[in-house]
Amino acid sequence: MSAKQPVVKDKVPFGQKASFGAGHLVLNLLPGALGVFMFFLLTAFGMNPFLAGLLGGLPRIFDALTDPIMGFISDNTKSRWGRRRPYIFVGAILSGIFFILLWQMDETNSQTYNFWYFLIMSMVFLVGNTMFATPLIGLGYEMTTDYNERTHLMAFSQTVGQIAWMIVPWFWVLIANPDLFADQATGVRQLSVLVGGICIALGLLPAIFCEGLDDTHMENRKEISFRTAIQNLKNLFSDIVMVSKNKPFVKLCVSTFLVFNGFQLVASFSYFIIVFYMFNGDYGAAGNWPAWFSTMTAVATAFLVIPIVSWISDHFGKRKAFIISTALSIVGYILKWWGFSPENPWLMFMPIPFMAFGLGGLFTLMMSMTADVCDLDELENGMPRREGTFGAIYWWMVKLGQAIALVLGGLVLELVGFDQNAATQTAATMTNLRIADIVIPAVTAALAIWVMYSYRLTEARAREIQQILIDRRGEL
């Protein structure tokens, strides 16, 4: 049982935790808003569904290429402000500005013009967002070296980040409200300015106030310049191969892929079940129930699940905390069979406290464990530390899974017989959809538990590695 308190030098001050949490709110708000706004490409800007699908998928491929590059650059940067903070500062500004410009389309333009405008601006936006997000993740891994304080930091940042998911579901309601905006296209354009401005203001905070490790004497960093670009691409590939041989890290990636993308694959099913099963296809009667379902999930994750997971981790270790929280999420998925009730809509909130343990426990613990893995990598492979590369590859796995989940989610809807053009769905279709909504995430969560059962980077081993590194660096 573990509840060891961090020494003073490893305790992250509250102001830095709050600033890091503000950065995570941005990390969640931008993709959350992007997902909602993408829907209005069809309804507000008249984009063909196939072209809209391309606009959702093609930038993800580009994003998968830029993340590891940015991770490598930030790992090897030398500056008076540290390895991460300059990129976070510039990236926060660029992310907000480019997000605003991304949505300043005119619905009267031709479909071809809007397609190419959005595709090009998506690439530009992702460059700015990668410049912000990848160094921010790497900074979090190095803000403390203490085993438990890492979990506390990630728990705090994930709690703040959940605020975005309390807000984002209501963007649907705001944009479609004729009392607020003249039309949906106007709503998207104006709301994007508000979102972009908030993201700039909050995104600058970690660049200004957070502190990473002292890299003054960090050895073996590569020179970052145009002259060395080709050689650095080779070095990046070598680093990726090296990271992929880290067995504990591979387990973290595989488990995340299973839990997160099992959830993502069926994420939209709750909306369809509420509308077509609980309210028989009556969108008016369904009203704000789907938005409240998403918002209450975020509330439960932030204020119930994450504190509990952090406590379990402190007292029983991160691996056991992951297994317990993931098992509780399976209970929540099963309870959805009775929770989605046409007779009593309020029962839909019953599974939420259990379901929320899935993602709430996942990212709180996995980000903390990735920081431990970075110590193991330094022990085995030396300097420079590769927090940026580890973070980039981890989130690349998440994004890859999201893309696969989008494709497979549509396939599952087709297999169960869902007809998007029908006002109501057959009883057999809804039964099959409800079964898929439960079985898919429950099975992937169970597989993740099986993968993590043999995870061996325990607290004792992590603290042993820390002491070896301290001795090796000659630190007090």
Protein backbone atom coordinates (compact mmCIF):
# COMPACT_ATOMS: atom_id res chain seq x y z
CA MET A 1 0.00 0.00 0.00
CA SER A 2 1.36 3.42 -0.98
CA ALA A 3 0.59 6.89 0.29
CA LYS A 4 4.07 8.39 0.41
CA GLN A 5 4.05 12.18 0.27
CA PRO A 6 6.34 13.97 -2.24
CA VAL A 7 9.26 15.94 -0.91
CA VAL A 8 8.96 19.72 -1.20
CA LYS A 9 11.02 20.04 -4.38
CA ASP A 10 8.76 17.53 -6.15
CA LYS A 11 5.50 19.18 -5.05
CA VAL A 12 3.94 21.13 -7.94
CA PRO A 13 2.67 24.52 -6.67
CA PHE A 14 -1.06 25.13 -7.08
CA GLY A 15 -0.51 28.01 -9.49
CA GLN A 16 1.45 25.76 -11.84
CA LYS A 17 -1.17 23.02 -11.55
CA ALA A 18 -3.89 25.53 -12.40
CA SER A 19 -1.92 26.83 -15.40
CA PHE A 20 -1.24 23.30 -16.65
CA GLY A 21 -4.94 22.52 -16.17
CA ALA A 22 -5.85 25.60 -18.23
CA GLY A 23 -3.71 24.19 -21.02
CA HIS A 24 -5.60 20.92 -20.82
CA LEU A 25 -8.91 22.75 -21.00
CA VAL A 26 -7.68 24.11 -24.34
CA LEU A 27 -6.56 20.62 -25.40
CA ASN A 28 -10.15 19.43 -24.88
CA LEU A 29 -12.05 22.53 -25.97
CA LEU A 30 -10.51 22.82 -29.44
CA PRO A 31 -11.20 19.25 -30.65
CA GLY A 32 -14.57 19.23 -28.87
CA ALA A 33 -15.67 22.42 -30.60
CA LEU A 34 -14.21 21.18 -33.89
CA GLY A 35 -16.29 17.99 -33.66
CA VAL A 36 -19.51 19.93 -33.09
CA PHE A 37 -18.78 22.54 -35.76
CA MET A 38 -17.99 19.80 -38.32
CA PHE A 39 -21.65 18.76 -38.20
CA PHE A 40 -22.64 22.18 -39.50
CA LEU A 41 -20.48 21.75 -42.59
CA LEU A 42 -23.45 19.76 -43.89
CA THR A 43 -26.41 21.70 -42.52
CA ALA A 44 -25.06 25.28 -42.59
CA PHE A 45 -22.54 25.26 -45.44
CA GLY A 46 -24.15 22.62 -47.68
CA MET A 47 -21.11 20.34 -47.90
CA ASN A 48 -21.61 16.95 -49.53
CA PRO A 49 -21.46 14.21 -46.84
CA PHE A 50 -18.65 12.39 -48.65
CA LEU A 51 -16.59 15.57 -48.94
CA ALA A 52 -17.31 16.37 -45.28
CA GLY A 53 -16.00 12.91 -44.40
CA LEU A 54 -12.80 13.62 -46.33
CA LEU A 55 -12.41 16.90 -44.46
CA GLY A 56 -12.67 14.96 -41.22
CA GLY A 57 -10.23 12.21 -42.22
CA LEU A 58 -7.48 13.74 -44.38
CA PRO A 59 -6.24 16.24 -41.77
CA ARG A 60 -5.89 13.39 -39.25
CA ILE A 61 -3.32 11.73 -41.52
CA PHE A 62 -1.37 14.99 -41.65
CA ASP A 63 -1.69 15.37 -37.88
CA ALA A 64 -0.26 11.89 -37.35
CA LEU A 65 2.91 12.98 -39.19
CA THR A 66 3.42 16.30 -37.41
CA ASP A 67 3.08 15.07 -33.80
CA PRO A 68 6.28 12.94 -33.64
CA ILE A 69 8.24 15.65 -35.48
CA MET A 70 7.15 18.28 -32.97
CA GLY A 71 7.93 15.91 -30.10
CA PHE A 72 11.47 15.39 -31.41
CA ILE A 73 12.00 19.13 -31.92
CA SER A 74 10.90 20.03 -28.39
CA ASP A 75 12.99 17.22 -26.85
CA ASN A 76 16.13 18.60 -28.47
CA THR A 77 15.51 22.35 -28.23
CA LYS A 78 17.90 24.57 -26.30
CA SER A 79 16.62 27.95 -25.12
CA ARG A 80 16.75 30.21 -22.07
CA TRP A 81 13.03 29.46 -21.52
CA GLY A 82 13.41 25.68 -21.58
CA ARG A 83 12.57 23.01 -24.15
CA ARG A 84 8.76 23.31 -24.21
CA ARG A 85 7.52 26.73 -23.16
CA PRO A 86 8.44 28.80 -26.29
CA TYR A 87 6.47 26.42 -28.50
CA ILE A 88 3.49 26.39 -26.12
CA PHE A 89 3.41 30.21 -26.14
CA VAL A 90 3.52 30.55 -29.93
CA GLY A 91 1.31 27.51 -30.48
CA ALA A 92 -1.45 28.83 -28.21
CA ILE A 93 -1.66 32.04 -30.23
CA LEU A 94 -1.55 30.29 -33.59
CA SER A 95 -4.10 27.64 -32.53
CA GLY A 96 -6.66 30.24 -31.52
CA ILE A 97 -6.16 32.47 -34.57
CA PHE A 98 -6.21 29.59 -37.07
CA PHE A 99 -9.28 28.02 -35.43
CA ILE A 100 -11.14 31.30 -35.93
CA LEU A 101 -9.99 31.62 -39.57
CA LEU A 102 -10.89 27.99 -40.23
CA TRP A 103 -14.58 28.76 -39.73
CA GLN A 104 -14.82 32.11 -41.49
CA MET A 105 -16.37 30.50 -44.57
CA ASP A 106 -19.26 31.95 -46.50
CA GLU A 107 -22.15 29.61 -47.25
CA THR A 108 -22.69 31.41 -50.58
CA ASN A 109 -19.29 30.26 -51.86
CA SER A 110 -19.15 27.24 -54.14
CA GLN A 111 -18.82 23.84 -52.53
CA THR A 112 -15.46 23.33 -54.25
CA TYR A 113 -14.11 26.61 -52.86
CA ASN A 114 -15.24 25.86 -49.33
CA PHE A 115 -13.83 22.33 -49.54
CA TRP A 116 -10.34 23.49 -50.46
CA TYR A 117 -10.44 26.45 -48.10
CA PHE A 118 -11.38 24.21 -45.19
CA LEU A 119 -8.87 21.49 -46.10
CA ILE A 120 -5.93 23.91 -46.40
CA MET A 121 -6.89 25.85 -43.27
CA SER A 122 -7.29 22.57 -41.36
CA MET A 123 -3.67 21.72 -42.15
CA VAL A 124 -2.55 25.18 -41.06
CA PHE A 125 -4.60 24.95 -37.85
CA LEU A 126 -3.13 21.54 -37.02
CA VAL A 127 0.42 22.89 -37.34
CA GLY A 128 -0.37 25.53 -34.72
CA ASN A 129 -2.26 23.07 -32.54
CA THR A 130 0.56 20.51 -32.68
CA MET A 131 3.05 23.23 -31.75
CA PHE A 132 0.94 23.84 -28.64
CA ALA A 133 -0.29 20.38 -27.68
CA THR A 134 2.76 18.14 -28.07
CA PRO A 135 5.17 20.27 -25.97
CA LEU A 136 2.43 20.79 -23.36
CA ILE A 137 2.06 17.03 -22.90
CA GLY A 138 5.83 16.66 -22.66
CA LEU A 139 6.02 19.50 -20.12
CA GLY A 140 3.52 17.72 -17.89
CA TYR A 141 5.67 14.59 -17.79
CA GLU A 142 8.64 16.54 -16.44
CA MET A 143 6.99 18.98 -13.99
CA THR A 144 7.61 16.56 -11.12
CA THR A 145 9.66 13.42 -10.60
CA ASP A 146 7.55 12.05 -7.73
CA TYR A 147 5.53 8.89 -8.40
CA ASN A 148 2.32 10.02 -6.67
CA GLU A 149 2.60 13.75 -7.42
CA ARG A 150 2.57 12.88 -11.12
CA THR A 151 -0.87 11.32 -10.64
CA HIS A 152 -2.06 14.34 -8.62
CA LEU A 153 -0.92 16.70 -11.39
CA MET A 154 -2.59 14.68 -14.12
CA ALA A 155 -5.75 14.28 -12.04
CA PHE A 156 -5.99 18.02 -11.55
CA SER A 157 -5.38 18.77 -15.23
CA GLN A 158 -7.93 16.17 -16.34
CA THR A 159 -10.51 17.64 -13.94
CA VAL A 160 -10.04 21.11 -15.41
CA GLY A 161 -10.05 19.65 -18.92
CA GLN A 162 -13.47 18.11 -18.31
CA ILE A 163 -14.95 21.61 -18.09
CA ALA A 164 -14.67 21.70 -21.88
CA TRP A 165 -16.94 18.65 -22.16
CA MET A 166 -19.49 20.28 -19.87
CA ILE A 167 -19.66 23.20 -22.31
CA VAL A 168 -19.21 21.65 -25.76
CA PRO A 169 -22.55 19.72 -25.94
CA TRP A 170 -24.40 23.02 -25.62
CA PHE A 171 -22.77 24.41 -28.76
CA TRP A 172 -25.35 22.36 -30.69
CA VAL A 173 -28.14 24.18 -28.87
CA LEU A 174 -26.58 27.65 -29.20
CA ILE A 175 -25.75 27.47 -32.90
CA ALA A 176 -29.21 26.18 -33.83
CA ASN A 177 -31.01 28.82 -31.73
CA PRO A 178 -32.62 31.40 -34.09
CA ASP A 179 -32.96 33.86 -31.21
CA LEU A 180 -29.17 34.02 -30.89
CA PHE A 181 -27.98 33.88 -34.48
CA ALA A 182 -29.56 34.78 -37.82
CA ASP A 183 -28.63 31.35 -39.18
CA GLN A 184 -26.39 28.39 -38.37
CA ALA A 185 -23.48 29.61 -40.52
CA THR A 186 -23.45 32.93 -38.65
CA GLY A 187 -23.57 31.02 -35.37
CA VAL A 188 -20.53 28.93 -36.33
CA ARG A 189 -18.52 31.96 -37.46
CA GLN A 190 -19.25 34.04 -34.36
CA LEU A 191 -18.92 31.23 -31.83
CA SER A 192 -15.54 30.26 -33.31
CA VAL A 193 -14.23 33.73 -32.44
CA LEU A 194 -15.25 33.23 -28.81
CA VAL A 195 -13.72 29.75 -28.65
CA GLY A 196 -10.49 30.87 -30.32
CA GLY A 197 -10.11 33.86 -28.01
CA ILE A 198 -10.63 31.77 -24.88
CA CYS A 199 -8.10 29.20 -26.09
CA ILE A 200 -5.44 31.87 -26.67
CA ALA A 201 -5.95 33.37 -23.20
CA LEU A 202 -5.89 30.02 -21.38
CA GLY A 203 -3.23 28.44 -23.60
CA LEU A 204 -0.65 31.10 -22.73
CA LEU A 205 -0.83 30.32 -19.00
CA PRO A 206 1.28 27.12 -18.97
CA ALA A 207 3.90 28.80 -21.16
CA ILE A 208 4.20 31.66 -18.67
CA PHE A 209 3.83 29.95 -15.29
CA CYS A 210 4.73 26.23 -15.56
CA GLU A 211 8.25 24.98 -14.98
CA GLY A 212 9.81 21.84 -16.43
CA LEU A 213 13.00 20.11 -15.42
CA ASP A 214 16.31 21.96 -15.42
CA ASP A 215 17.81 21.04 -18.80
CA THR A 216 20.89 23.24 -18.51
CA HIS A 217 23.25 20.30 -18.46
CA MET A 218 21.20 17.86 -20.53
CA GLU A 219 23.50 15.96 -22.87
CA ASN A 220 23.33 14.53 -26.40
CA ARG A 221 20.66 16.84 -27.79
CA LYS A 222 20.59 17.09 -31.57
CA GLU A 223 21.03 20.39 -33.38
CA ILE A 224 17.68 21.70 -34.65
CA SER A 225 18.18 23.57 -37.93
CA PHE A 226 17.36 23.35 -41.62
CA ARG A 227 20.90 22.14 -42.24
CA THR A 228 20.40 19.09 -40.02
CA ALA A 229 16.80 18.36 -41.10
CA ILE A 230 17.55 15.18 -43.05
CA GLN A 231 19.77 13.73 -40.34
CA ASN A 232 17.20 14.61 -37.69
CA LEU A 233 14.50 12.75 -39.59
CA LYS A 234 16.74 9.68 -39.36
CA ASN A 235 17.26 10.39 -35.66
CA LEU A 236 13.49 10.73 -35.20
CA PHE A 237 12.92 7.34 -36.81
CA SER A 238 15.56 5.81 -34.52
CA ASP A 239 13.84 7.36 -31.49
CA ILE A 240 10.47 5.97 -32.58
CA VAL A 241 11.96 2.49 -32.94
CA MET A 242 13.59 2.84 -29.52
CA VAL A 243 10.33 3.97 -27.92
CA SER A 244 8.41 1.11 -29.53
CA LYS A 245 10.73 -1.38 -27.78
CA ASN A 246 9.77 -0.05 -24.37
CA LYS A 247 7.42 -2.84 -23.21
CA PRO A 248 5.63 -0.92 -20.41
CA PHE A 249 4.93 1.94 -22.82
CA VAL A 250 3.55 -0.43 -25.45
CA LYS A 251 1.15 -1.81 -22.85
CA LEU A 252 0.00 1.72 -22.03
CA CYS A 253 -0.62 2.45 -25.71
CA VAL A 254 -2.48 -0.79 -26.38
CA SER A 255 -4.66 -0.40 -23.30
CA THR A 256 -5.49 3.20 -24.20
CA PHE A 257 -6.30 2.17 -27.76
CA LEU A 258 -8.73 -0.45 -26.47
CA VAL A 259 -10.49 1.58 -23.76
CA PHE A 260 -10.68 4.93 -25.49
CA ASN A 261 -11.57 3.73 -28.93
CA GLY A 262 -14.03 1.13 -27.72
CA PHE A 263 -15.78 4.07 -26.08
CA GLN A 264 -15.37 6.32 -29.13
CA LEU A 265 -16.72 3.70 -31.50
CA VAL A 266 -20.12 3.82 -29.79
CA ALA A 267 -20.00 7.44 -28.57
CA SER A 268 -22.67 8.63 -31.00
CA PHE A 269 -24.93 5.64 -30.28
CA SER A 270 -26.23 7.18 -27.05
CA TYR A 271 -27.64 10.09 -29.04
CA PHE A 272 -29.43 7.77 -31.47
CA ILE A 273 -30.74 5.57 -28.64
CA ILE A 274 -32.12 8.56 -26.75
CA VAL A 275 -33.84 9.98 -29.83
CA PHE A 276 -35.06 6.84 -31.58
CA TYR A 277 -35.55 4.39 -28.70
CA MET A 278 -36.54 6.57 -25.77
CA PHE A 279 -38.45 9.21 -27.77
CA ASN A 280 -39.39 7.20 -30.90
CA GLY A 281 -37.66 9.54 -33.35
CA ASP A 282 -39.22 12.74 -31.96
CA TYR A 283 -36.34 15.24 -31.89
CA GLY A 284 -38.54 17.85 -30.23
CA ALA A 285 -39.43 15.53 -27.36
CA ALA A 286 -35.78 14.46 -27.02
CA GLY A 287 -34.93 18.14 -26.60
CA ASN A 288 -31.83 18.74 -24.50
CA TRP A 289 -31.64 15.23 -22.98
CA PRO A 290 -28.61 14.23 -25.14
CA ALA A 291 -26.75 17.40 -24.16
CA TRP A 292 -27.52 16.85 -20.48
CA PHE A 293 -26.32 13.24 -20.76
CA SER A 294 -22.94 14.40 -22.10
CA THR A 295 -22.64 17.25 -19.63
CA MET A 296 -23.43 15.10 -16.59
CA THR A 297 -20.88 12.53 -17.77
CA ALA A 298 -18.23 15.26 -17.75
CA VAL A 299 -19.37 16.50 -14.32
CA ALA A 300 -19.20 13.00 -12.84
CA THR A 301 -15.77 12.44 -14.40
CA ALA A 302 -14.35 15.70 -13.06
CA PHE A 303 -15.73 15.82 -9.53
CA LEU A 304 -16.37 12.18 -8.62
CA VAL A 305 -14.27 9.80 -10.68
CA ILE A 306 -10.90 11.55 -10.97
CA PRO A 307 -10.54 12.24 -7.20
CA ILE A 308 -11.45 8.62 -6.43
CA VAL A 309 -9.01 7.26 -9.01
CA SER A 310 -6.26 9.48 -7.65
CA TRP A 311 -6.91 8.19 -4.11
CA ILE A 312 -6.90 4.56 -5.25
CA SER A 313 -3.62 5.16 -7.10
CA ASP A 314 -2.00 6.70 -4.03
CA HIS A 315 -2.94 3.77 -1.81
CA PHE A 316 -2.83 0.75 -4.13
CA GLY A 317 -0.69 1.77 -7.11
CA LYS A 318 -1.45 2.92 -10.63
CA ARG A 319 -1.87 -0.52 -12.21
CA LYS A 320 -4.48 -1.61 -9.66
CA ALA A 321 -6.21 1.76 -9.94
CA PHE A 322 -6.49 1.27 -13.71
CA ILE A 323 -7.87 -2.27 -13.35
CA ILE A 324 -10.44 -1.19 -10.74
CA SER A 325 -11.59 1.91 -12.63
CA THR A 326 -11.85 0.05 -15.94
CA ALA A 327 -13.83 -2.77 -14.29
CA LEU A 328 -16.25 -0.20 -12.84
CA SER A 329 -16.75 1.25 -16.31
CA ILE A 330 -17.84 -2.17 -17.56
CA VAL A 331 -20.52 -2.16 -14.84
CA GLY A 332 -21.67 1.21 -16.17
CA TYR A 333 -21.89 -0.03 -19.75
CA ILE A 334 -24.06 -2.95 -18.64
CA LEU A 335 -26.35 -0.66 -16.62
CA LYS A 336 -27.17 1.26 -19.82
CA TRP A 337 -29.54 -1.58 -20.74
CA TRP A 338 -31.86 -0.47 -17.94
CA GLY A 339 -30.80 3.17 -17.87
CA PHE A 340 -32.06 4.06 -21.35
CA SER A 341 -35.72 3.69 -20.45
CA PRO A 342 -38.61 5.12 -22.50
CA GLU A 343 -40.77 5.04 -19.36
CA ASN A 344 -38.37 7.09 -17.21
CA PRO A 345 -35.77 9.28 -19.02
CA TRP A 346 -34.13 10.22 -15.71
CA LEU A 347 -32.74 6.69 -15.46
CA MET A 348 -30.27 7.53 -18.25
CA PHE A 349 -28.12 9.20 -15.60
CA MET A 350 -27.88 6.00 -13.52
CA PRO A 351 -24.94 4.40 -15.44
CA ILE A 352 -22.93 7.63 -15.66
CA PRO A 353 -21.03 7.44 -12.33
CA PHE A 354 -19.77 3.96 -13.31
CA MET A 355 -19.17 4.63 -17.02
CA ALA A 356 -17.17 7.74 -16.22
CA PHE A 357 -14.49 5.62 -14.56
CA GLY A 358 -13.45 4.44 -18.03
CA LEU A 359 -12.04 7.65 -19.52
CA GLY A 360 -11.63 9.44 -16.19
CA GLY A 361 -9.30 6.77 -14.90
CA LEU A 362 -7.66 6.13 -18.26
CA PHE A 363 -6.04 9.47 -19.00
CA THR A 364 -5.33 10.40 -15.38
CA LEU A 365 -3.36 7.19 -14.88
CA MET A 366 -1.89 6.67 -18.33
CA MET A 367 -0.35 10.14 -18.48
CA SER A 368 1.11 9.62 -15.02
CA MET A 369 2.47 6.20 -15.99
CA THR A 370 3.97 7.59 -19.20
CA ALA A 371 6.02 9.97 -17.07
CA ASP A 372 7.34 6.92 -15.17
CA VAL A 373 8.16 5.28 -18.49
CA CYS A 374 10.24 8.33 -19.49
CA ASP A 375 12.42 7.67 -16.44
CA LEU A 376 12.86 4.05 -17.52
CA ASP A 377 13.86 5.25 -21.00
CA GLU A 378 16.51 7.58 -19.56
CA LEU A 379 17.84 4.68 -17.46
CA GLU A 380 18.10 2.38 -20.47
CA ASN A 381 18.96 4.81 -23.29
CA GLY A 382 20.45 7.90 -21.64
CA MET A 383 19.97 11.56 -22.54
CA PRO A 384 18.23 13.48 -23.89
CA ARG A 385 14.97 12.69 -22.15
CA ARG A 386 12.22 12.00 -24.67
CA GLU A 387 9.00 13.22 -23.03
CA GLY A 388 7.94 14.94 -26.24
CA THR A 389 8.47 11.85 -28.38
CA PHE A 390 6.69 9.57 -25.89
CA GLY A 391 3.77 11.99 -25.64
CA ALA A 392 3.54 12.40 -29.41
CA ILE A 393 3.50 8.65 -30.07
CA TYR A 394 0.98 8.03 -27.28
CA TRP A 395 -1.45 10.62 -28.64
CA TRP A 396 -0.78 9.47 -32.19
CA MET A 397 -2.17 6.11 -31.10
CA VAL A 398 -5.22 7.87 -29.67
CA LYS A 399 -5.82 9.81 -32.91
CA LEU A 400 -5.30 6.71 -35.05
CA GLY A 401 -7.88 4.91 -32.96
CA GLN A 402 -10.30 7.81 -33.30
CA ALA A 403 -10.05 7.64 -37.08
CA ILE A 404 -10.63 3.87 -37.03
CA ALA A 405 -13.53 4.31 -34.59
CA LEU A 406 -15.23 6.80 -36.94
CA VAL A 407 -15.10 4.28 -39.76
CA LEU A 408 -16.12 1.27 -37.69
CA GLY A 409 -18.88 3.22 -35.93
CA GLY A 410 -20.57 3.86 -39.26
CA LEU A 411 -20.10 0.21 -40.21
CA VAL A 412 -21.78 -0.96 -36.99
CA LEU A 413 -24.73 1.39 -37.63
CA GLU A 414 -25.11 -0.14 -41.07
CA LEU A 415 -24.83 -3.71 -39.77
CA VAL A 416 -27.57 -3.20 -37.17
CA GLY A 417 -29.85 -1.83 -39.89
CA PHE A 418 -29.93 1.84 -38.85
CA ASP A 419 -31.59 4.00 -41.52
CA GLN A 420 -30.56 7.63 -41.20
CA ASN A 421 -33.36 8.72 -43.55
CA ALA A 422 -36.16 7.05 -41.58
CA ALA A 423 -38.23 8.99 -39.05
CA THR A 424 -38.36 5.90 -36.81
CA GLN A 425 -36.28 2.72 -36.52
CA THR A 426 -37.44 -0.88 -36.26
CA ALA A 427 -37.52 -2.60 -32.87
CA ALA A 428 -34.90 -5.11 -34.05
CA THR A 429 -32.57 -2.30 -35.14
CA MET A 430 -32.81 -0.56 -31.79
CA THR A 431 -32.29 -3.78 -29.85
CA ASN A 432 -29.17 -4.59 -31.88
CA LEU A 433 -27.91 -1.02 -31.50
CA ARG A 434 -28.37 -1.13 -27.71
CA ILE A 435 -26.53 -4.46 -27.52
CA ALA A 436 -23.64 -3.05 -29.59
CA ASP A 437 -23.59 0.06 -27.39
CA ILE A 438 -22.93 -2.16 -24.36
CA VAL A 439 -20.91 -5.09 -25.70
CA ILE A 440 -18.28 -3.22 -27.75
CA PRO A 441 -16.86 -0.93 -25.02
CA ALA A 442 -17.27 -3.63 -22.35
CA VAL A 443 -15.23 -6.15 -24.38
CA THR A 444 -12.48 -3.67 -25.28
CA ALA A 445 -12.28 -2.57 -21.62
CA ALA A 446 -11.95 -6.20 -20.50
CA LEU A 447 -9.14 -6.74 -23.02
CA ALA A 448 -7.35 -3.65 -21.67
CA ILE A 449 -7.52 -5.07 -18.15
CA TRP A 450 -5.94 -8.29 -19.45
CA VAL A 451 -3.13 -6.29 -21.13
CA MET A 452 -2.37 -4.24 -18.00
CA TYR A 453 -2.53 -7.20 -15.63
CA SER A 454 1.11 -7.98 -16.45
CA TYR A 455 2.31 -4.34 -16.24
CA ARG A 456 5.44 -4.44 -14.09
CA LEU A 457 6.60 -0.83 -13.63
CA THR A 458 5.44 -0.64 -10.01
CA GLU A 459 5.93 2.19 -7.52
CA ALA A 460 8.87 0.40 -5.92
CA ARG A 461 10.58 -0.03 -9.28
CA ALA A 462 9.79 3.56 -10.32
CA ARG A 463 11.34 4.96 -7.11
CA GLU A 464 14.36 2.69 -7.54
CA ILE A 465 14.86 4.05 -11.08
CA GLN A 466 14.51 7.61 -9.80
CA GLN A 467 17.28 7.08 -7.25
CA ILE A 468 19.61 5.55 -9.85
CA LEU A 469 19.03 8.55 -12.14
CA ILE A 470 19.68 11.00 -9.31
CA ASP A 471 22.95 9.25 -8.51
CA ARG A 472 23.92 9.11 -12.17
CA ARG A 473 23.31 12.87 -12.66
CA GLY A 474 25.13 13.71 -9.45
CA GLU A 475 22.11 15.47 -7.99
CA LEU A 476 21.55 16.00 -4.26
